[in-house]
Amino acid sequence: MDDDLVCRPLRSEELPAVAALRWQWVRELYGTPEAPLDEFVPRFVAWAQEAEATHHCLVLVRGRSVVGMSWLAVTERVPFPGAYERSSGDVQCTYVVPEERDRGLGGLLVDAVLE
């Protein structure tokens, strides 16, 4: 990994940048989303704030720019005899901006989330 690239937990002030990444990702895959970016960002931020107990985000940051993200959704599982409190994780929304791709950064994010 480059010296000026950092992988770390999301900071609350970076939520709008992460929302913009999510919007950009949808645009890449499906074309321009129905909801414009300026409508999507505050709704995404509100969702992320409400879901912070179950959804955890790691980001890749170069300088002050968020260039990648990966989310881990943690959910409770049905109890098992002898293991009454169980949970599982689901890696979601791993994305790296196009100009940072093809260098293993998506894999780095997934590895970090799994840790």
PDB file of N, CA and C in Angstrom:
ATOM      1  N   MET A   1       0.854  -1.185   0.000  1.00  0.00           N
ATOM      2  CA  MET A   1       0.000   0.000   0.000  1.00  0.00           C
ATOM      3  C   MET A   1       0.892   1.238   0.000  1.00  0.00           C
ATOM      4  N   ASP A   2       0.450   2.257  -0.711  1.00  0.00           N
ATOM      5  CA  ASP A   2       1.184   3.522  -0.771  1.00  0.00           C
ATOM      6  C   ASP A   2       1.299   4.141   0.612  1.00  0.00           C
ATOM      7  N   ASP A   3       2.387   4.884   0.826  1.00  0.00           N
ATOM      8  CA  ASP A   3       2.590   5.540   2.117  1.00  0.00           C
ATOM      9  C   ASP A   3       1.513   6.578   2.429  1.00  0.00           C
ATOM     10  N   ASP A   4       0.931   7.197   1.388  1.00  0.00           N
ATOM     11  CA  ASP A   4      -0.073   8.237   1.633  1.00  0.00           C
ATOM     12  C   ASP A   4      -1.500   7.699   1.588  1.00  0.00           C
ATOM     13  N   LEU A   5      -1.639   6.374   1.568  1.00  0.00           N
ATOM     14  CA  LEU A   5      -2.952   5.742   1.572  1.00  0.00           C
ATOM     15  C   LEU A   5      -3.156   5.046   2.909  1.00  0.00           C
ATOM     16  N   VAL A   6      -4.282   5.331   3.564  1.00  0.00           N
ATOM     17  CA  VAL A   6      -4.559   4.800   4.898  1.00  0.00           C
ATOM     18  C   VAL A   6      -5.880   4.032   4.872  1.00  0.00           C
ATOM     19  N   CYS A   7      -5.897   2.866   5.496  1.00  0.00           N
ATOM     20  CA  CYS A   7      -7.119   2.091   5.677  1.00  0.00           C
ATOM     21  C   CYS A   7      -7.473   2.150   7.159  1.00  0.00           C
ATOM     22  N   ARG A   8      -8.693   2.639   7.461  1.00  0.00           N
ATOM     23  CA  ARG A   8      -9.071   2.829   8.861  1.00  0.00           C
ATOM     24  C   ARG A   8     -10.588   2.910   8.980  1.00  0.00           C
ATOM     25  N   PRO A   9     -11.098   2.862  10.212  1.00  0.00           N
ATOM     26  CA  PRO A   9     -12.540   3.026  10.397  1.00  0.00           C
ATOM     27  C   PRO A   9     -13.017   4.409   9.935  1.00  0.00           C
ATOM     28  N   LEU A  10     -14.203   4.427   9.429  1.00  0.00           N
ATOM     29  CA  LEU A  10     -14.856   5.661   8.986  1.00  0.00           C
ATOM     30  C   LEU A  10     -14.995   6.637  10.140  1.00  0.00           C
ATOM     31  N   ARG A  11     -14.780   7.905   9.851  1.00  0.00           N
ATOM     32  CA  ARG A  11     -15.058   8.980  10.814  1.00  0.00           C
ATOM     33  C   ARG A  11     -16.384   9.620  10.417  1.00  0.00           C
ATOM     34  N   SER A  12     -17.133  10.052  11.398  1.00  0.00           N
ATOM     35  CA  SER A  12     -18.486  10.555  11.119  1.00  0.00           C
ATOM     36  C   SER A  12     -18.499  11.687  10.092  1.00  0.00           C
ATOM     37  N   GLU A  13     -17.487  12.521  10.108  1.00  0.00           N
ATOM     38  CA  GLU A  13     -17.463  13.631   9.151  1.00  0.00           C
ATOM     39  C   GLU A  13     -17.222  13.164   7.712  1.00  0.00           C
ATOM     40  N   GLU A  14     -16.850  11.898   7.543  1.00  0.00           N
ATOM     41  CA  GLU A  14     -16.623  11.345   6.202  1.00  0.00           C
ATOM     42  C   GLU A  14     -17.866  10.678   5.613  1.00  0.00           C
ATOM     43  N   LEU A  15     -18.945  10.631   6.376  1.00  0.00           N
ATOM     44  CA  LEU A  15     -20.168  10.000   5.874  1.00  0.00           C
ATOM     45  C   LEU A  15     -20.659  10.592   4.552  1.00  0.00           C
ATOM     46  N   PRO A  16     -20.649  11.909   4.358  1.00  0.00           N
ATOM     47  CA  PRO A  16     -21.075  12.424   3.051  1.00  0.00           C
ATOM     48  C   PRO A  16     -20.191  11.926   1.902  1.00  0.00           C
ATOM     49  N   ALA A  17     -18.905  11.801   2.127  1.00  0.00           N
ATOM     50  CA  ALA A  17     -18.009  11.299   1.079  1.00  0.00           C
ATOM     51  C   ALA A  17     -18.300   9.834   0.773  1.00  0.00           C
ATOM     52  N   VAL A  18     -18.590   9.054   1.806  1.00  0.00           N
ATOM     53  CA  VAL A  18     -18.923   7.642   1.606  1.00  0.00           C
ATOM     54  C   VAL A  18     -20.267   7.529   0.871  1.00  0.00           C
ATOM     55  N   ALA A  19     -21.215   8.376   1.216  1.00  0.00           N
ATOM     56  CA  ALA A  19     -22.492   8.391   0.503  1.00  0.00           C
ATOM     57  C   ALA A  19     -22.272   8.694  -0.974  1.00  0.00           C
ATOM     58  N   ALA A  20     -21.400   9.640  -1.264  1.00  0.00           N
ATOM     59  CA  ALA A  20     -21.098   9.984  -2.656  1.00  0.00           C
ATOM     60  C   ALA A  20     -20.454   8.799  -3.384  1.00  0.00           C
ATOM     61  N   LEU A  21     -19.608   8.039  -2.688  1.00  0.00           N
ATOM     62  CA  LEU A  21     -19.029   6.841  -3.297  1.00  0.00           C
ATOM     63  C   LEU A  21     -20.120   5.839  -3.646  1.00  0.00           C
ATOM     64  N   ARG A  22     -21.058   5.645  -2.735  1.00  0.00           N
ATOM     65  CA  ARG A  22     -22.159   4.704  -2.989  1.00  0.00           C
ATOM     66  C   ARG A  22     -22.976   5.149  -4.201  1.00  0.00           C
ATOM     67  N   TRP A  23     -23.272   6.419  -4.291  1.00  0.00           N
ATOM     68  CA  TRP A  23     -24.025   6.967  -5.423  1.00  0.00           C
ATOM     69  C   TRP A  23     -23.248   6.773  -6.722  1.00  0.00           C
ATOM     70  N   GLN A  24     -21.941   7.059  -6.668  1.00  0.00           N
ATOM     71  CA  GLN A  24     -21.085   6.904  -7.846  1.00  0.00           C
ATOM     72  C   GLN A  24     -21.059   5.447  -8.304  1.00  0.00           C
ATOM     73  N   TRP A  25     -20.982   4.529  -7.360  1.00  0.00           N
ATOM     74  CA  TRP A  25     -20.957   3.105  -7.677  1.00  0.00           C
ATOM     75  C   TRP A  25     -22.232   2.697  -8.420  1.00  0.00           C
ATOM     76  N   VAL A  26     -23.381   3.141  -7.910  1.00  0.00           N
ATOM     77  CA  VAL A  26     -24.652   2.831  -8.563  1.00  0.00           C
ATOM     78  C   VAL A  26     -24.670   3.427  -9.968  1.00  0.00           C
ATOM     79  N   ARG A  27     -24.163   4.629 -10.119  1.00  0.00           N
ATOM     80  CA  ARG A  27     -24.117   5.267 -11.444  1.00  0.00           C
ATOM     81  C   ARG A  27     -23.259   4.463 -12.403  1.00  0.00           C
ATOM     82  N   GLU A  28     -22.119   3.956 -11.940  1.00  0.00           N
ATOM     83  CA  GLU A  28     -21.255   3.131 -12.784  1.00  0.00           C
ATOM     84  C   GLU A  28     -21.964   1.870 -13.265  1.00  0.00           C
ATOM     85  N   LEU A  29     -22.704   1.235 -12.358  1.00  0.00           N
ATOM     86  CA  LEU A  29     -23.341  -0.043 -12.682  1.00  0.00           C
ATOM     87  C   LEU A  29     -24.629   0.095 -13.474  1.00  0.00           C
ATOM     88  N   TYR A  30     -25.447   1.087 -13.140  1.00  0.00           N
ATOM     89  CA  TYR A  30     -26.807   1.145 -13.674  1.00  0.00           C
ATOM     90  C   TYR A  30     -27.161   2.427 -14.401  1.00  0.00           C
ATOM     91  N   GLY A  31     -26.255   3.375 -14.457  1.00  0.00           N
ATOM     92  CA  GLY A  31     -26.589   4.671 -15.022  1.00  0.00           C
ATOM     93  C   GLY A  31     -26.991   5.629 -13.911  1.00  0.00           C
ATOM     94  N   THR A  32     -27.335   6.829 -14.281  1.00  0.00           N
ATOM     95  CA  THR A  32     -27.643   7.857 -13.289  1.00  0.00           C
ATOM     96  C   THR A  32     -28.799   7.418 -12.394  1.00  0.00           C
ATOM     97  N   PRO A  33     -28.570   7.415 -11.069  1.00  0.00           N
ATOM     98  CA  PRO A  33     -29.632   7.004 -10.141  1.00  0.00           C
ATOM     99  C   PRO A  33     -30.839   7.930 -10.196  1.00  0.00           C
ATOM    100  N   GLU A  34     -31.992   7.367  -9.820  1.00  0.00           N
ATOM    101  CA  GLU A  34     -33.225   8.169  -9.776  1.00  0.00           C
ATOM    102  C   GLU A  34     -33.083   9.327  -8.808  1.00  0.00           C
ATOM    103  N   ALA A  35     -32.523   9.061  -7.634  1.00  0.00           N
ATOM    104  CA  ALA A  35     -32.339  10.116  -6.640  1.00  0.00           C
ATOM    105  C   ALA A  35     -31.063  10.886  -6.954  1.00  0.00           C
ATOM    106  N   PRO A  36     -31.156  12.205  -7.067  1.00  0.00           N
ATOM    107  CA  PRO A  36     -29.942  12.984  -7.310  1.00  0.00           C
ATOM    108  C   PRO A  36     -29.007  12.920  -6.094  1.00  0.00           C
ATOM    109  N   LEU A  37     -27.744  13.157  -6.344  1.00  0.00           N
ATOM    110  CA  LEU A  37     -26.725  13.074  -5.296  1.00  0.00           C
ATOM    111  C   LEU A  37     -27.078  13.940  -4.091  1.00  0.00           C
ATOM    112  N   ASP A  38     -27.529  15.166  -4.321  1.00  0.00           N
ATOM    113  CA  ASP A  38     -27.813  16.065  -3.196  1.00  0.00           C
ATOM    114  C   ASP A  38     -29.019  15.608  -2.364  1.00  0.00           C
ATOM    115  N   GLU A  39     -29.852  14.745  -2.902  1.00  0.00           N
ATOM    116  CA  GLU A  39     -30.950  14.147  -2.133  1.00  0.00           C
ATOM    117  C   GLU A  39     -30.479  12.875  -1.424  1.00  0.00           C
ATOM    118  N   PHE A  40     -29.647  12.102  -2.105  1.00  0.00           N
ATOM    119  CA  PHE A  40     -29.193  10.823  -1.561  1.00  0.00           C
ATOM    120  C   PHE A  40     -28.269  10.989  -0.357  1.00  0.00           C
ATOM    121  N   VAL A  41     -27.340  11.928  -0.431  1.00  0.00           N
ATOM    122  CA  VAL A  41     -26.320  12.062   0.621  1.00  0.00           C
ATOM    123  C   VAL A  41     -26.930  12.236   2.015  1.00  0.00           C
ATOM    124  N   PRO A  42     -27.828  13.190   2.244  1.00  0.00           N
ATOM    125  CA  PRO A  42     -28.345  13.328   3.610  1.00  0.00           C
ATOM    126  C   PRO A  42     -29.154  12.118   4.074  1.00  0.00           C
ATOM    127  N   ARG A  43     -29.843  11.466   3.158  1.00  0.00           N
ATOM    128  CA  ARG A  43     -30.603  10.263   3.551  1.00  0.00           C
ATOM    129  C   ARG A  43     -29.661   9.122   3.893  1.00  0.00           C
ATOM    130  N   PHE A  44     -28.579   8.977   3.131  1.00  0.00           N
ATOM    131  CA  PHE A  44     -27.595   7.948   3.429  1.00  0.00           C
ATOM    132  C   PHE A  44     -26.929   8.224   4.775  1.00  0.00           C
ATOM    133  N   VAL A  45     -26.561   9.463   5.011  1.00  0.00           N
ATOM    134  CA  VAL A  45     -25.923   9.840   6.276  1.00  0.00           C
ATOM    135  C   VAL A  45     -26.847   9.511   7.447  1.00  0.00           C
ATOM    136  N   ALA A  46     -28.128   9.853   7.324  1.00  0.00           N
ATOM    137  CA  ALA A  46     -29.090   9.554   8.392  1.00  0.00           C
ATOM    138  C   ALA A  46     -29.195   8.047   8.611  1.00  0.00           C
ATOM    139  N   TRP A  47     -29.265   7.285   7.513  1.00  0.00           N
ATOM    140  CA  TRP A  47     -29.326   5.824   7.637  1.00  0.00           C
ATOM    141  C   TRP A  47     -28.086   5.306   8.366  1.00  0.00           C
ATOM    142  N   ALA A  48     -26.896   5.746   7.949  1.00  0.00           N
ATOM    143  CA  ALA A  48     -25.644   5.266   8.545  1.00  0.00           C
ATOM    144  C   ALA A  48     -25.575   5.600  10.030  1.00  0.00           C
ATOM    145  N   GLN A  49     -26.045   6.766  10.402  1.00  0.00           N
ATOM    146  CA  GLN A  49     -26.044   7.138  11.818  1.00  0.00           C
ATOM    147  C   GLN A  49     -26.991   6.253  12.617  1.00  0.00           C
ATOM    148  N   GLU A  50     -28.133   5.926  12.046  1.00  0.00           N
ATOM    149  CA  GLU A  50     -29.090   5.051  12.730  1.00  0.00           C
ATOM    150  C   GLU A  50     -28.598   3.600  12.792  1.00  0.00           C
ATOM    151  N   ALA A  51     -27.804   3.183  11.817  1.00  0.00           N
ATOM    152  CA  ALA A  51     -27.359   1.795  11.711  1.00  0.00           C
ATOM    153  C   ALA A  51     -25.955   1.567  12.266  1.00  0.00           C
ATOM    154  N   GLU A  52     -25.391   2.548  12.964  1.00  0.00           N
ATOM    155  CA  GLU A  52     -23.995   2.424  13.375  1.00  0.00           C
ATOM    156  C   GLU A  52     -23.735   1.263  14.334  1.00  0.00           C
ATOM    157  N   ALA A  53     -24.757   0.776  15.034  1.00  0.00           N
ATOM    158  CA  ALA A  53     -24.555  -0.362  15.936  1.00  0.00           C
ATOM    159  C   ALA A  53     -24.389  -1.669  15.166  1.00  0.00           C
ATOM    160  N   THR A  54     -24.919  -1.731  13.954  1.00  0.00           N
ATOM    161  CA  THR A  54     -24.878  -2.975  13.192  1.00  0.00           C
ATOM    162  C   THR A  54     -24.058  -2.906  11.907  1.00  0.00           C
ATOM    163  N   HIS A  55     -23.794  -1.719  11.413  1.00  0.00           N
ATOM    164  CA  HIS A  55     -23.067  -1.554  10.154  1.00  0.00           C
ATOM    165  C   HIS A  55     -21.797  -0.738  10.405  1.00  0.00           C
ATOM    166  N   HIS A  56     -20.677  -1.348  10.104  1.00  0.00           N
ATOM    167  CA  HIS A  56     -19.370  -0.745  10.375  1.00  0.00           C
ATOM    168  C   HIS A  56     -18.637  -0.566   9.058  1.00  0.00           C
ATOM    169  N   CYS A  57     -18.072   0.608   8.866  1.00  0.00           N
ATOM    170  CA  CYS A  57     -17.418   0.937   7.603  1.00  0.00           C
ATOM    171  C   CYS A  57     -15.933   1.198   7.814  1.00  0.00           C
ATOM    172  N   LEU A  58     -15.131   0.621   6.929  1.00  0.00           N
ATOM    173  CA  LEU A  58     -13.719   0.966   6.831  1.00  0.00           C
ATOM    174  C   LEU A  58     -13.544   1.753   5.545  1.00  0.00           C
ATOM    175  N   VAL A  59     -12.641   2.705   5.576  1.00  0.00           N
ATOM    176  CA  VAL A  59     -12.387   3.530   4.397  1.00  0.00           C
ATOM    177  C   VAL A  59     -10.913   3.497   4.029  1.00  0.00           C
ATOM    178  N   LEU A  60     -10.670   3.734   2.759  1.00  0.00           N
ATOM    179  CA  LEU A  60      -9.324   4.014   2.268  1.00  0.00           C
ATOM    180  C   LEU A  60      -9.266   5.510   2.033  1.00  0.00           C
ATOM    181  N   VAL A  61      -8.266   6.154   2.601  1.00  0.00           N
ATOM    182  CA  VAL A  61      -8.138   7.602   2.483  1.00  0.00           C
ATOM    183  C   VAL A  61      -6.771   7.937   1.916  1.00  0.00           C
ATOM    184  N   ARG A  62      -6.772   8.762   0.870  1.00  0.00           N
ATOM    185  CA  ARG A  62      -5.536   9.305   0.310  1.00  0.00           C
ATOM    186  C   ARG A  62      -5.570  10.800   0.554  1.00  0.00           C
ATOM    187  N   GLY A  63      -4.658  11.262   1.400  1.00  0.00           N
ATOM    188  CA  GLY A  63      -4.703  12.670   1.794  1.00  0.00           C
ATOM    189  C   GLY A  63      -5.976  12.919   2.567  1.00  0.00           C
ATOM    190  N   ARG A  64      -6.832  13.776   2.020  1.00  0.00           N
ATOM    191  CA  ARG A  64      -8.132  14.054   2.659  1.00  0.00           C
ATOM    192  C   ARG A  64      -9.294  13.434   1.902  1.00  0.00           C
ATOM    193  N   SER A  65      -8.993  12.668   0.864  1.00  0.00           N
ATOM    194  CA  SER A  65     -10.052  12.107   0.029  1.00  0.00           C
ATOM    195  C   SER A  65     -10.316  10.643   0.356  1.00  0.00           C
ATOM    196  N   VAL A  66     -11.587  10.322   0.548  1.00  0.00           N
ATOM    197  CA  VAL A  66     -11.998   8.930   0.724  1.00  0.00           C
ATOM    198  C   VAL A  66     -12.053   8.319  -0.671  1.00  0.00           C
ATOM    199  N   VAL A  67     -11.240   7.290  -0.901  1.00  0.00           N
ATOM    200  CA  VAL A  67     -11.150   6.680  -2.232  1.00  0.00           C
ATOM    201  C   VAL A  67     -11.676   5.251  -2.260  1.00  0.00           C
ATOM    202  N   GLY A  68     -12.080   4.729  -1.110  1.00  0.00           N
ATOM    203  CA  GLY A  68     -12.621   3.378  -1.064  1.00  0.00           C
ATOM    204  C   GLY A  68     -13.361   3.145   0.236  1.00  0.00           C
ATOM    205  N   MET A  69     -14.236   2.129   0.212  1.00  0.00           N
ATOM    206  CA  MET A  69     -15.005   1.792   1.410  1.00  0.00           C
ATOM    207  C   MET A  69     -15.353   0.322   1.381  1.00  0.00           C
ATOM    208  N   SER A  70     -15.609  -0.207   2.558  1.00  0.00           N
ATOM    209  CA  SER A  70     -16.160  -1.546   2.698  1.00  0.00           C
ATOM    210  C   SER A  70     -16.932  -1.580   4.008  1.00  0.00           C
ATOM    211  N   TRP A  71     -18.096  -2.184   3.969  1.00  0.00           N
ATOM    212  CA  TRP A  71     -18.995  -2.236   5.120  1.00  0.00           C
ATOM    213  C   TRP A  71     -19.102  -3.654   5.653  1.00  0.00           C
ATOM    214  N   LEU A  72     -19.239  -3.785   6.955  1.00  0.00           N
ATOM    215  CA  LEU A  72     -19.529  -5.052   7.598  1.00  0.00           C
ATOM    216  C   LEU A  72     -20.845  -4.895   8.341  1.00  0.00           C
ATOM    217  N   ALA A  73     -21.841  -5.684   7.938  1.00  0.00           N
ATOM    218  CA  ALA A  73     -23.130  -5.701   8.629  1.00  0.00           C
ATOM    219  C   ALA A  73     -23.107  -6.870   9.604  1.00  0.00           C
ATOM    220  N   VAL A  74     -23.330  -6.595  10.867  1.00  0.00           N
ATOM    221  CA  VAL A  74     -23.323  -7.620  11.908  1.00  0.00           C
ATOM    222  C   VAL A  74     -24.760  -7.841  12.368  1.00  0.00           C
ATOM    223  N   THR A  75     -25.199  -9.087  12.333  1.00  0.00           N
ATOM    224  CA  THR A  75     -26.558  -9.422  12.748  1.00  0.00           C
ATOM    225  C   THR A  75     -26.533 -10.532  13.787  1.00  0.00           C
ATOM    226  N   GLU A  76     -27.540 -10.513  14.642  1.00  0.00           N
ATOM    227  CA  GLU A  76     -27.666 -11.567  15.643  1.00  0.00           C
ATOM    228  C   GLU A  76     -28.158 -12.837  14.969  1.00  0.00           C
ATOM    229  N   ARG A  77     -27.712 -13.972  15.509  1.00  0.00           N
ATOM    230  CA  ARG A  77     -28.132 -15.260  14.984  1.00  0.00           C
ATOM    231  C   ARG A  77     -28.989 -15.990  16.000  1.00  0.00           C
ATOM    232  N   VAL A  78     -29.698 -16.968  15.542  1.00  0.00           N
ATOM    233  CA  VAL A  78     -30.524 -17.806  16.404  1.00  0.00           C
ATOM    234  C   VAL A  78     -29.608 -18.527  17.398  1.00  0.00           C
ATOM    235  N   PRO A  79     -29.985 -18.569  18.677  1.00  0.00           N
ATOM    236  CA  PRO A  79     -29.148 -19.247  19.673  1.00  0.00           C
ATOM    237  C   PRO A  79     -28.936 -20.727  19.340  1.00  0.00           C
ATOM    238  N   PHE A  80     -27.820 -21.218  19.807  1.00  0.00           N
ATOM    239  CA  PHE A  80     -27.414 -22.613  19.639  1.00  0.00           C
ATOM    240  C   PHE A  80     -27.160 -23.160  21.034  1.00  0.00           C
ATOM    241  N   PRO A  81     -27.476 -24.424  21.318  1.00  0.00           N
ATOM    242  CA  PRO A  81     -27.203 -24.959  22.659  1.00  0.00           C
ATOM    243  C   PRO A  81     -25.740 -24.741  23.044  1.00  0.00           C
ATOM    244  N   GLY A  82     -25.539 -24.020  24.117  1.00  0.00           N
ATOM    245  CA  GLY A  82     -24.188 -23.709  24.576  1.00  0.00           C
ATOM    246  C   GLY A  82     -23.616 -22.427  23.988  1.00  0.00           C
ATOM    247  N   ALA A  83     -24.284 -21.855  23.012  1.00  0.00           N
ATOM    248  CA  ALA A  83     -23.850 -20.594  22.396  1.00  0.00           C
ATOM    249  C   ALA A  83     -25.101 -19.737  22.188  1.00  0.00           C
ATOM    250  N   TYR A  84     -25.473 -19.046  23.255  1.00  0.00           N
ATOM    251  CA  TYR A  84     -26.745 -18.328  23.247  1.00  0.00           C
ATOM    252  C   TYR A  84     -26.667 -16.967  22.567  1.00  0.00           C
ATOM    253  N   GLU A  85     -25.509 -16.367  22.597  1.00  0.00           N
ATOM    254  CA  GLU A  85     -25.333 -15.078  21.928  1.00  0.00           C
ATOM    255  C   GLU A  85     -24.409 -15.293  20.749  1.00  0.00           C
ATOM    256  N   ARG A  86     -24.991 -15.250  19.579  1.00  0.00           N
ATOM    257  CA  ARG A  86     -24.242 -15.498  18.345  1.00  0.00           C
ATOM    258  C   ARG A  86     -24.482 -14.352  17.375  1.00  0.00           C
ATOM    259  N   SER A  87     -23.533 -14.116  16.530  1.00  0.00           N
ATOM    260  CA  SER A  87     -23.706 -13.115  15.494  1.00  0.00           C
ATOM    261  C   SER A  87     -22.971 -13.573  14.243  1.00  0.00           C
ATOM    262  N   SER A  88     -23.333 -12.966  13.147  1.00  0.00           N
ATOM    263  CA  SER A  88     -22.639 -13.231  11.890  1.00  0.00           C
ATOM    264  C   SER A  88     -22.412 -11.903  11.193  1.00  0.00           C
ATOM    265  N   GLY A  89     -21.492 -11.911  10.254  1.00  0.00           N
ATOM    266  CA  GLY A  89     -21.170 -10.696   9.521  1.00  0.00           C
ATOM    267  C   GLY A  89     -21.342 -10.886   8.032  1.00  0.00           C
ATOM    268  N   ASP A  90     -21.674  -9.832   7.375  1.00  0.00           N
ATOM    269  CA  ASP A  90     -21.875  -9.816   5.932  1.00  0.00           C
ATOM    270  C   ASP A  90     -21.087  -8.627   5.375  1.00  0.00           C
ATOM    271  N   VAL A  91     -20.081  -8.919   4.572  1.00  0.00           N
ATOM    272  CA  VAL A  91     -19.313  -7.843   3.943  1.00  0.00           C
ATOM    273  C   VAL A  91     -20.171  -7.256   2.824  1.00  0.00           C
ATOM    274  N   GLN A  92     -20.330  -5.937   2.854  1.00  0.00           N
ATOM    275  CA  GLN A  92     -21.180  -5.255   1.887  1.00  0.00           C
ATOM    276  C   GLN A  92     -20.484  -4.021   1.329  1.00  0.00           C
ATOM    277  N   CYS A  93     -20.865  -3.660   0.148  1.00  0.00           N
ATOM    278  CA  CYS A  93     -20.509  -2.364  -0.453  1.00  0.00           C
ATOM    279  C   CYS A  93     -19.009  -2.085  -0.452  1.00  0.00           C
ATOM    280  N   THR A  94     -18.230  -3.012  -0.921  1.00  0.00           N
ATOM    281  CA  THR A  94     -16.799  -2.753  -1.089  1.00  0.00           C
ATOM    282  C   THR A  94     -16.616  -2.051  -2.429  1.00  0.00           C
ATOM    283  N   TYR A  95     -16.023  -0.882  -2.394  1.00  0.00           N
ATOM    284  CA  TYR A  95     -15.906  -0.052  -3.597  1.00  0.00           C
ATOM    285  C   TYR A  95     -14.624   0.765  -3.523  1.00  0.00           C
ATOM    286  N   VAL A  96     -13.953   0.860  -4.665  1.00  0.00           N
ATOM    287  CA  VAL A  96     -12.759   1.698  -4.815  1.00  0.00           C
ATOM    288  C   VAL A  96     -12.983   2.554  -6.056  1.00  0.00           C
ATOM    289  N   VAL A  97     -12.658   3.828  -5.972  1.00  0.00           N
ATOM    290  CA  VAL A  97     -12.847   4.720  -7.127  1.00  0.00           C
ATOM    291  C   VAL A  97     -12.018   4.211  -8.302  1.00  0.00           C
ATOM    292  N   PRO A  98     -12.506   4.427  -9.527  1.00  0.00           N
ATOM    293  CA  PRO A  98     -11.839   3.865 -10.704  1.00  0.00           C
ATOM    294  C   PRO A  98     -10.345   4.179 -10.822  1.00  0.00           C
ATOM    295  N   GLU A  99      -9.953   5.389 -10.478  1.00  0.00           N
ATOM    296  CA  GLU A  99      -8.544   5.775 -10.649  1.00  0.00           C
ATOM    297  C   GLU A  99      -7.601   5.094  -9.648  1.00  0.00           C
ATOM    298  N   GLU A 100      -8.149   4.413  -8.648  1.00  0.00           N
ATOM    299  CA  GLU A 100      -7.329   3.713  -7.650  1.00  0.00           C
ATOM    300  C   GLU A 100      -7.398   2.186  -7.816  1.00  0.00           C
ATOM    301  N   ARG A 101      -8.077   1.716  -8.832  1.00  0.00           N
ATOM    302  CA  ARG A 101      -8.283   0.281  -8.998  1.00  0.00           C
ATOM    303  C   ARG A 101      -7.072  -0.435  -9.597  1.00  0.00           C
ATOM    304  N   ASP A 102      -7.175  -1.768  -9.589  1.00  0.00           N
ATOM    305  CA  ASP A 102      -6.183  -2.676 -10.184  1.00  0.00           C
ATOM    306  C   ASP A 102      -4.859  -2.671  -9.436  1.00  0.00           C
ATOM    307  N   ARG A 103      -4.935  -2.420  -8.126  1.00  0.00           N
ATOM    308  CA  ARG A 103      -3.726  -2.453  -7.292  1.00  0.00           C
ATOM    309  C   ARG A 103      -3.969  -3.252  -6.006  1.00  0.00           C
ATOM    310  N   GLY A 104      -5.083  -3.997  -5.953  1.00  0.00           N
ATOM    311  CA  GLY A 104      -5.359  -4.831  -4.795  1.00  0.00           C
ATOM    312  C   GLY A 104      -6.007  -4.115  -3.630  1.00  0.00           C
ATOM    313  N   LEU A 105      -6.488  -2.894  -3.844  1.00  0.00           N
ATOM    314  CA  LEU A 105      -7.048  -2.117  -2.727  1.00  0.00           C
ATOM    315  C   LEU A 105      -8.401  -2.664  -2.253  1.00  0.00           C
ATOM    316  N   GLY A 106      -9.196  -3.185  -3.175  1.00  0.00           N
ATOM    317  CA  GLY A 106     -10.456  -3.794  -2.775  1.00  0.00           C
ATOM    318  C   GLY A 106     -10.214  -5.010  -1.877  1.00  0.00           C
ATOM    319  N   GLY A 107      -9.225  -5.813  -2.239  1.00  0.00           N
ATOM    320  CA  GLY A 107      -8.854  -6.961  -1.406  1.00  0.00           C
ATOM    321  C   GLY A 107      -8.328  -6.527  -0.051  1.00  0.00           C
ATOM    322  N   LEU A 108      -7.589  -5.441  -0.038  1.00  0.00           N
ATOM    323  CA  LEU A 108      -7.087  -4.905   1.225  1.00  0.00           C
ATOM    324  C   LEU A 108      -8.256  -4.498   2.118  1.00  0.00           C
ATOM    325  N   LEU A 109      -9.257  -3.852   1.557  1.00  0.00           N
ATOM    326  CA  LEU A 109     -10.429  -3.460   2.334  1.00  0.00           C
ATOM    327  C   LEU A 109     -11.166  -4.678   2.887  1.00  0.00           C
ATOM    328  N   VAL A 110     -11.369  -5.684   2.046  1.00  0.00           N
ATOM    329  CA  VAL A 110     -12.080  -6.881   2.495  1.00  0.00           C
ATOM    330  C   VAL A 110     -11.295  -7.563   3.607  1.00  0.00           C
ATOM    331  N   ASP A 111      -9.991  -7.698   3.435  1.00  0.00           N
ATOM    332  CA  ASP A 111      -9.162  -8.309   4.492  1.00  0.00           C
ATOM    333  C   ASP A 111      -9.277  -7.526   5.806  1.00  0.00           C
ATOM    334  N   ALA A 112      -9.254  -6.211   5.702  1.00  0.00           N
ATOM    335  CA  ALA A 112      -9.340  -5.373   6.900  1.00  0.00           C
ATOM    336  C   ALA A 112     -10.700  -5.528   7.587  1.00  0.00           C
ATOM    337  N   VAL A 113     -11.762  -5.588   6.793  1.00  0.00           N
ATOM    338  CA  VAL A 113     -13.101  -5.759   7.368  1.00  0.00           C
ATOM    339  C   VAL A 113     -13.202  -7.111   8.054  1.00  0.00           C
ATOM    340  N   LEU A 114     -12.629  -8.139   7.462  1.00  0.00           N
ATOM    341  CA  LEU A 114     -12.702  -9.475   8.056  1.00  0.00           C
ATOM    342  C   LEU A 114     -11.910  -9.578   9.361  1.00  0.00           C
ATOM    343  N   GLU A 115     -10.874  -8.767   9.481  1.00  0.00           N
ATOM    344  CA  GLU A 115     -10.108  -8.754  10.735  1.00  0.00           C
ATOM    345  C   GLU A 115     -10.950  -8.179  11.843  1.00  0.00           C
TER     346      GLU A 115
END
